[in-house]
């Protein structure tokens, strides 16, 4: 018995019209049937990853701000040290 286009189209129509018949289980392999669950798992893992990346971005921004303030403080200390050296040299004269 040959399987023609009309038979194929009828099969597709039946699959769509009667999901409770579970014809997909007869036509598709177990491996293919697991794909929707795997996609859900991947989507959830991606969501968790995006949350972690968001938290890391916030931490990195905070660290950058702290680093900037630290550099400003170092510059201020360097100026203070230079001033103190000038004062010491002036007192030594």
Protein backbone atom coordinates (compact mmCIF):
# COMPACT_ATOMS: atom_id res chain seq x y z
CA UNK A 1 0.00 0.00 0.00
CA UNK A 2 1.45 3.36 -1.05
CA UNK A 3 1.42 6.43 1.18
CA UNK A 4 0.51 9.44 -0.95
CA UNK A 5 0.21 13.17 -0.33
CA UNK A 6 -3.50 12.93 0.45
CA UNK A 7 -2.76 10.27 3.08
CA UNK A 8 -0.03 12.48 4.54
CA UNK A 9 -2.31 15.54 4.65
CA UNK A 10 -5.04 13.45 6.28
CA UNK A 11 -2.55 12.22 8.88
CA UNK A 12 -1.42 15.78 9.63
CA UNK A 13 -5.03 16.91 9.95
CA UNK A 14 -5.84 14.02 12.29
CA UNK A 15 -2.78 14.75 14.44
CA UNK A 16 -3.90 18.35 14.83
CA UNK A 17 -7.59 17.61 15.35
CA UNK A 18 -7.20 14.78 17.85
CA UNK A 19 -4.24 15.36 20.17
CA UNK A 20 -5.76 13.04 22.76
CA UNK A 21 -5.42 10.09 20.40
CA UNK A 22 -1.68 10.30 21.05
CA UNK A 23 -0.92 9.45 17.44
CA UNK A 24 2.26 11.42 17.89
CA UNK A 25 3.51 8.68 20.19
CA UNK A 26 3.06 6.19 17.38
CA UNK A 27 4.67 8.38 14.75
CA UNK A 28 7.46 10.11 16.66
CA UNK A 29 10.39 8.51 18.43
CA UNK A 30 10.77 8.74 22.20
CA UNK A 31 13.76 10.98 21.60
CA UNK A 32 11.67 13.47 19.62
CA UNK A 33 8.91 13.38 22.21
CA UNK A 34 11.35 14.46 24.93
CA UNK A 35 12.27 17.66 23.08
CA UNK A 36 9.48 19.85 24.55
CA UNK A 37 10.59 18.94 28.08
CA UNK A 38 14.21 19.60 27.23
CA UNK A 39 13.30 22.97 25.77
CA UNK A 40 11.40 23.86 28.97
CA UNK A 41 14.43 22.86 31.05
CA UNK A 42 16.74 24.91 28.83
CA UNK A 43 14.43 27.91 29.05
CA UNK A 44 14.42 27.67 32.85
CA UNK A 45 18.21 27.31 32.94
CA UNK A 46 18.50 30.34 30.67
CA UNK A 47 16.22 32.34 32.96
CA UNK A 48 18.39 31.43 35.97
CA UNK A 49 21.53 32.34 34.02
CA UNK A 50 20.08 35.71 33.08
CA UNK A 51 19.24 36.37 36.74
CA UNK A 52 22.80 35.49 37.77
CA UNK A 53 24.26 37.67 35.03
CA UNK A 54 22.04 40.53 36.18
CA UNK A 55 23.31 40.15 39.74
CA UNK A 56 26.90 39.97 38.49
CA UNK A 57 26.40 43.14 36.45
CA UNK A 58 25.17 44.95 39.56
CA UNK A 59 28.15 43.71 41.57
CA UNK A 60 30.57 44.70 38.80
CA UNK A 61 29.08 48.20 38.65
CA UNK A 62 29.44 48.50 42.41
CA UNK A 63 33.04 47.27 42.26
CA UNK A 64 33.83 49.74 39.49
CA UNK A 65 32.44 52.57 41.62
CA UNK A 66 34.46 51.44 44.64
CA UNK A 67 37.57 51.18 42.45
CA UNK A 68 37.01 54.70 41.12
CA UNK A 69 36.63 56.08 44.65
CA UNK A 70 39.76 54.21 45.75
CA UNK A 71 41.73 55.71 42.88
CA UNK A 72 40.48 59.17 43.83
CA UNK A 73 41.57 58.59 47.42
CA UNK A 74 45.00 57.39 46.25
CA UNK A 75 45.38 60.53 44.11
CA UNK A 76 44.45 62.67 47.13
CA UNK A 77 46.98 60.79 49.30
CA UNK A 78 49.67 61.23 46.64
CA UNK A 79 49.01 64.98 46.62
CA UNK A 80 49.19 65.04 50.42
CA UNK A 81 52.49 63.16 50.37
CA UNK A 82 53.92 65.57 47.77
CA UNK A 83 52.81 68.52 49.87
CA UNK A 84 54.33 67.04 53.02
CA UNK A 85 57.62 66.42 51.20
CA UNK A 86 57.70 70.05 50.05
CA UNK A 87 56.99 71.22 53.57
CA UNK A 88 59.73 68.97 54.97
CA UNK A 89 62.23 70.21 52.35
CA UNK A 90 61.28 73.80 53.10
CA UNK A 91 61.71 73.22 56.84
CA UNK A 92 65.08 71.55 56.24
CA UNK A 93 66.38 74.68 54.48
